[in-house]
Structure formats: structure tokens, C-alpha cells
Amino acid sequence: MPTSQKTITYLKDQLASLHTVSTKRMFGEYCLYFDGVPIAFICSDQLFIKPTKTNKQLLIKELIGFPYPGAKPYFLIPADQWEDAEWLRELIVRTAKELPRGKK
């Protein structure tokens, strides 16, 4: 089942104060970017975030999922945890800090 626009809008609203959050449609689903860095996938109305040492410490429960066939494992963030916008923003910021920046 493809991700609904309602899910994308909700996540972007929760992260709006970060200002540099964006999504891009990819392969029928979405990639979530923070400050130009791809940090997560939104697939089938589920949020999959790239695993890092720091963001693992923030997880309430460590759930592993695969956003698409053949993908590396990602942390699966349950939808009920999206309601805590402050926690979700912290997770996004910490993740982005540990990931390499693309070449310009």
C-alpha cells in the first residue's frame, strides 16, 4: 500500500520547526531529507530511519524494518511515537549529524 499524502503532511507538520526538512518521491514512496541529507524513508505509511549509534540511544523500543525489498535494515519508528514532535525532531537532528554530507 503506498504512503498517503496525509502521512507525509503529518510528518512534515511535526518537523516544521526544523525548516530544512523536505521529502522527495522516490520509487513510489518517499525519502525524508534534513538539511539536504537523506535520513529516512517513508514507505507504506511507515517511517524507517537510518540507524546510527546516537539515534539508537533515543529509541523507546528498537524495531528493525526494511523500507523496500533488498534494503539494508533501518530503525522502524512506530506511528504512535510520531505524536511526540520534540522527540521526533531530536531523532532527526541526531541522525543527520552522524551521516555524511553529499558532495556539492
N, C-alpha and C. Protein backbone atom coordinates (compact mmCIF):
# COMPACT_ATOMS: atom_id res chain seq x y z
N MET A 1 0.85 -1.17 0.00
CA MET A 1 0.00 0.00 0.00
C MET A 1 0.90 1.24 0.00
N PRO A 2 0.72 2.12 -0.95
CA PRO A 2 1.56 3.33 -0.99
C PRO A 2 1.26 4.28 0.16
N THR A 3 2.23 5.10 0.46
CA THR A 3 2.10 6.09 1.53
C THR A 3 1.09 7.15 1.14
N SER A 4 0.23 7.51 2.07
CA SER A 4 -0.78 8.54 1.81
C SER A 4 -0.19 9.93 1.98
N GLN A 5 -0.77 10.89 1.29
CA GLN A 5 -0.34 12.28 1.43
C GLN A 5 -0.60 12.76 2.85
N LYS A 6 -1.61 12.21 3.50
CA LYS A 6 -1.92 12.57 4.89
C LYS A 6 -0.73 12.25 5.81
N THR A 7 -0.09 11.11 5.60
CA THR A 7 1.08 10.73 6.40
C THR A 7 2.24 11.69 6.16
N ILE A 8 2.49 12.03 4.91
CA ILE A 8 3.59 12.95 4.58
C ILE A 8 3.33 14.31 5.21
N THR A 9 2.11 14.80 5.08
CA THR A 9 1.76 16.11 5.65
C THR A 9 1.92 16.10 7.16
N TYR A 10 1.47 15.03 7.81
CA TYR A 10 1.57 14.95 9.27
C TYR A 10 3.04 14.98 9.72
N LEU A 11 3.87 14.18 9.10
CA LEU A 11 5.29 14.15 9.48
C LEU A 11 5.96 15.50 9.23
N LYS A 12 5.67 16.12 8.10
CA LYS A 12 6.26 17.43 7.81
C LYS A 12 5.77 18.48 8.80
N ASP A 13 4.52 18.40 9.21
CA ASP A 13 4.00 19.32 10.24
C ASP A 13 4.71 19.11 11.57
N GLN A 14 4.93 17.86 11.95
CA GLN A 14 5.62 17.56 13.20
C GLN A 14 7.06 18.08 13.19
N LEU A 15 7.66 18.14 12.02
CA LEU A 15 9.07 18.54 11.88
C LEU A 15 9.24 19.96 11.36
N ALA A 16 8.15 20.70 11.22
CA ALA A 16 8.17 22.01 10.57
C ALA A 16 9.15 23.00 11.19
N SER A 17 9.34 22.95 12.49
CA SER A 17 10.23 23.92 13.14
C SER A 17 11.70 23.70 12.76
N LEU A 18 12.01 22.58 12.14
CA LEU A 18 13.39 22.34 11.70
C LEU A 18 13.72 23.08 10.41
N HIS A 19 12.72 23.55 9.70
CA HIS A 19 12.83 24.39 8.50
C HIS A 19 13.49 23.72 7.30
N THR A 20 14.45 22.86 7.48
CA THR A 20 15.14 22.27 6.33
C THR A 20 14.74 20.82 6.09
N VAL A 21 13.56 20.44 6.55
CA VAL A 21 13.04 19.10 6.29
C VAL A 21 12.28 19.13 4.97
N SER A 22 12.55 18.13 4.14
CA SER A 22 11.82 18.02 2.88
C SER A 22 11.64 16.55 2.54
N THR A 23 10.72 16.30 1.65
CA THR A 23 10.51 14.94 1.17
C THR A 23 10.60 14.94 -0.36
N LYS A 24 10.98 13.80 -0.88
CA LYS A 24 11.06 13.64 -2.32
C LYS A 24 10.49 12.27 -2.67
N ARG A 25 9.61 12.26 -3.63
CA ARG A 25 9.01 11.00 -4.05
C ARG A 25 10.07 10.16 -4.78
N MET A 26 10.21 8.92 -4.33
CA MET A 26 11.19 8.01 -4.93
C MET A 26 10.59 6.60 -5.00
N PHE A 27 10.63 6.03 -6.18
CA PHE A 27 10.19 4.65 -6.36
C PHE A 27 8.78 4.41 -5.83
N GLY A 28 7.92 5.40 -5.95
CA GLY A 28 6.54 5.27 -5.49
C GLY A 28 6.35 5.55 -4.02
N GLU A 29 7.42 5.80 -3.29
CA GLU A 29 7.34 6.14 -1.87
C GLU A 29 8.10 7.44 -1.66
N TYR A 30 8.62 7.69 -0.45
CA TYR A 30 9.24 8.97 -0.16
C TYR A 30 10.56 8.81 0.59
N CYS A 31 11.46 9.75 0.32
CA CYS A 31 12.70 9.88 1.08
C CYS A 31 12.57 11.17 1.89
N LEU A 32 12.98 11.14 3.15
CA LEU A 32 12.94 12.31 4.03
C LEU A 32 14.35 12.86 4.16
N TYR A 33 14.48 14.15 3.92
CA TYR A 33 15.78 14.84 3.98
C TYR A 33 15.77 15.86 5.11
N PHE A 34 16.91 16.01 5.75
CA PHE A 34 17.11 17.10 6.70
C PHE A 34 18.39 17.81 6.29
N ASP A 35 18.26 19.08 6.01
CA ASP A 35 19.40 19.90 5.58
C ASP A 35 20.12 19.26 4.38
N GLY A 36 19.32 18.69 3.48
CA GLY A 36 19.86 18.09 2.27
C GLY A 36 20.40 16.68 2.42
N VAL A 37 20.38 16.15 3.64
CA VAL A 37 20.90 14.80 3.91
C VAL A 37 19.73 13.81 3.95
N PRO A 38 19.77 12.75 3.13
CA PRO A 38 18.71 11.74 3.21
C PRO A 38 18.86 10.94 4.50
N ILE A 39 17.81 10.96 5.32
CA ILE A 39 17.93 10.29 6.62
C ILE A 39 16.89 9.22 6.88
N ALA A 40 15.84 9.20 6.06
CA ALA A 40 14.77 8.24 6.33
C ALA A 40 13.97 7.97 5.06
N PHE A 41 13.23 6.88 5.11
CA PHE A 41 12.26 6.57 4.07
C PHE A 41 10.89 6.50 4.72
N ILE A 42 9.90 6.92 3.97
CA ILE A 42 8.51 6.77 4.39
C ILE A 42 7.88 5.86 3.34
N CYS A 43 7.60 4.64 3.76
CA CYS A 43 7.08 3.63 2.84
C CYS A 43 5.89 2.94 3.48
N SER A 44 4.81 2.80 2.72
CA SER A 44 3.59 2.14 3.22
C SER A 44 3.14 2.75 4.55
N ASP A 45 3.20 4.09 4.63
CA ASP A 45 2.80 4.84 5.83
C ASP A 45 3.61 4.46 7.07
N GLN A 46 4.85 4.03 6.87
CA GLN A 46 5.75 3.71 7.97
C GLN A 46 7.02 4.54 7.82
N LEU A 47 7.62 4.91 8.96
CA LEU A 47 8.85 5.70 8.98
C LEU A 47 10.04 4.80 9.30
N PHE A 48 10.99 4.77 8.39
CA PHE A 48 12.21 3.98 8.53
C PHE A 48 13.38 4.96 8.56
N ILE A 49 14.12 5.00 9.67
CA ILE A 49 15.21 5.96 9.81
C ILE A 49 16.55 5.22 9.78
N LYS A 50 17.54 5.85 9.14
CA LYS A 50 18.86 5.22 9.06
C LYS A 50 19.41 5.03 10.47
N PRO A 51 19.93 3.85 10.76
CA PRO A 51 20.47 3.60 12.10
C PRO A 51 21.83 4.26 12.31
N THR A 52 21.98 4.87 13.48
CA THR A 52 23.27 5.43 13.91
C THR A 52 23.44 5.08 15.39
N LYS A 53 24.65 5.23 15.89
CA LYS A 53 24.89 4.95 17.31
C LYS A 53 24.10 5.89 18.21
N THR A 54 24.06 7.15 17.83
CA THR A 54 23.40 8.15 18.67
C THR A 54 21.88 8.01 18.64
N ASN A 55 21.30 7.82 17.45
CA ASN A 55 19.84 7.76 17.43
C ASN A 55 19.32 6.48 18.08
N LYS A 56 20.14 5.44 18.12
CA LYS A 56 19.74 4.20 18.80
C LYS A 56 19.45 4.47 20.28
N GLN A 57 20.20 5.39 20.88
CA GLN A 57 20.01 5.73 22.29
C GLN A 57 18.66 6.39 22.56
N LEU A 58 18.08 7.01 21.55
CA LEU A 58 16.79 7.69 21.71
C LEU A 58 15.59 6.77 21.54
N LEU A 59 15.82 5.61 20.96
CA LEU A 59 14.69 4.74 20.66
C LEU A 59 14.04 4.22 21.93
N ILE A 60 12.73 4.24 21.93
CA ILE A 60 11.97 3.69 23.05
C ILE A 60 12.02 2.17 22.98
N LYS A 61 11.89 1.66 21.78
CA LYS A 61 11.99 0.23 21.53
C LYS A 61 12.68 0.07 20.18
N GLU A 62 13.70 -0.75 20.14
CA GLU A 62 14.46 -0.93 18.89
C GLU A 62 13.74 -1.91 17.98
N LEU A 63 13.11 -1.37 16.96
CA LEU A 63 12.44 -2.18 15.95
C LEU A 63 13.20 -2.05 14.64
N ILE A 64 13.45 -3.14 14.00
CA ILE A 64 14.18 -3.14 12.73
C ILE A 64 13.19 -3.45 11.61
N GLY A 65 13.33 -2.73 10.51
CA GLY A 65 12.48 -2.96 9.35
C GLY A 65 13.24 -2.69 8.07
N PHE A 66 12.65 -3.08 6.98
CA PHE A 66 13.24 -2.89 5.66
C PHE A 66 12.26 -2.07 4.83
N PRO A 67 12.64 -0.85 4.45
CA PRO A 67 11.70 0.02 3.75
C PRO A 67 11.27 -0.49 2.37
N TYR A 68 12.11 -1.30 1.74
CA TYR A 68 11.80 -1.84 0.42
C TYR A 68 12.62 -3.12 0.24
N PRO A 69 12.23 -3.98 -0.69
CA PRO A 69 12.97 -5.23 -0.90
C PRO A 69 14.43 -4.95 -1.26
N GLY A 70 15.32 -5.65 -0.59
CA GLY A 70 16.75 -5.51 -0.84
C GLY A 70 17.41 -4.39 -0.07
N ALA A 71 16.64 -3.65 0.73
CA ALA A 71 17.20 -2.53 1.51
C ALA A 71 18.00 -3.05 2.70
N LYS A 72 18.92 -2.23 3.15
CA LYS A 72 19.61 -2.50 4.41
C LYS A 72 18.61 -2.30 5.54
N PRO A 73 18.89 -2.85 6.72
CA PRO A 73 17.97 -2.65 7.84
C PRO A 73 17.96 -1.20 8.33
N TYR A 74 16.79 -0.73 8.66
CA TYR A 74 16.57 0.61 9.20
C TYR A 74 15.83 0.47 10.52
N PHE A 75 15.87 1.51 11.35
CA PHE A 75 15.02 1.53 12.53
C PHE A 75 13.61 1.89 12.08
N LEU A 76 12.64 1.11 12.52
CA LEU A 76 11.23 1.37 12.23
C LEU A 76 10.66 2.16 13.41
N ILE A 77 10.16 3.35 13.13
CA ILE A 77 9.62 4.22 14.17
C ILE A 77 8.10 4.10 14.16
N PRO A 78 7.51 3.51 15.20
CA PRO A 78 6.06 3.33 15.24
C PRO A 78 5.31 4.67 15.16
N ALA A 79 4.18 4.65 14.49
CA ALA A 79 3.39 5.87 14.26
C ALA A 79 2.99 6.55 15.56
N ASP A 80 2.75 5.80 16.63
CA ASP A 80 2.35 6.45 17.88
C ASP A 80 3.48 7.31 18.47
N GLN A 81 4.72 7.05 18.10
CA GLN A 81 5.84 7.86 18.58
C GLN A 81 5.99 9.15 17.79
N TRP A 82 5.36 9.24 16.63
CA TRP A 82 5.42 10.47 15.83
C TRP A 82 4.69 11.61 16.53
N GLU A 83 3.78 11.28 17.44
CA GLU A 83 2.99 12.30 18.13
C GLU A 83 3.86 13.20 19.00
N ASP A 84 4.97 12.69 19.49
CA ASP A 84 5.89 13.48 20.31
C ASP A 84 6.84 14.23 19.37
N ALA A 85 6.40 15.40 18.93
CA ALA A 85 7.14 16.17 17.93
C ALA A 85 8.54 16.53 18.40
N GLU A 86 8.69 16.85 19.67
CA GLU A 86 10.01 17.22 20.20
C GLU A 86 10.98 16.03 20.10
N TRP A 87 10.51 14.86 20.50
CA TRP A 87 11.33 13.65 20.42
C TRP A 87 11.67 13.33 18.96
N LEU A 88 10.69 13.45 18.08
CA LEU A 88 10.91 13.15 16.67
C LEU A 88 11.93 14.10 16.05
N ARG A 89 11.84 15.38 16.38
CA ARG A 89 12.81 16.36 15.88
C ARG A 89 14.22 16.03 16.38
N GLU A 90 14.34 15.67 17.64
CA GLU A 90 15.65 15.31 18.20
C GLU A 90 16.22 14.09 17.49
N LEU A 91 15.38 13.12 17.21
CA LEU A 91 15.81 11.93 16.48
C LEU A 91 16.34 12.29 15.09
N ILE A 92 15.64 13.17 14.41
CA ILE A 92 16.04 13.60 13.07
C ILE A 92 17.38 14.35 13.12
N VAL A 93 17.51 15.28 14.04
CA VAL A 93 18.73 16.09 14.14
C VAL A 93 19.93 15.21 14.49
N ARG A 94 19.77 14.34 15.46
CA ARG A 94 20.89 13.46 15.85
C ARG A 94 21.30 12.53 14.71
N THR A 95 20.33 12.03 14.00
CA THR A 95 20.63 11.16 12.87
C THR A 95 21.43 11.90 11.81
N ALA A 96 20.98 13.07 11.45
CA ALA A 96 21.64 13.86 10.40
C ALA A 96 23.08 14.21 10.78
N LYS A 97 23.32 14.47 12.05
CA LYS A 97 24.68 14.83 12.49
C LYS A 97 25.68 13.71 12.25
N GLU A 98 25.22 12.48 12.27
CA GLU A 98 26.13 11.34 12.12
C GLU A 98 26.28 10.85 10.68
N LEU A 99 25.45 11.34 9.80
CA LEU A 99 25.50 10.86 8.42
C LEU A 99 26.37 11.78 7.56
N PRO A 100 27.05 11.19 6.59
CA PRO A 100 27.92 12.01 5.72
C PRO A 100 27.10 12.94 4.83
N ARG A 101 27.64 14.09 4.60
CA ARG A 101 27.03 15.07 3.69
C ARG A 101 27.40 14.69 2.27
N GLY A 102 26.49 14.95 1.35
CA GLY A 102 26.77 14.71 -0.06
C GLY A 102 27.77 15.74 -0.59
N LYS A 103 28.41 15.39 -1.68
CA LYS A 103 29.36 16.33 -2.29
C LYS A 103 28.58 17.38 -3.06
N LYS A 104 29.07 18.62 -3.00
CA LYS A 104 28.38 19.71 -3.69
C LYS A 104 29.06 20.03 -4.98
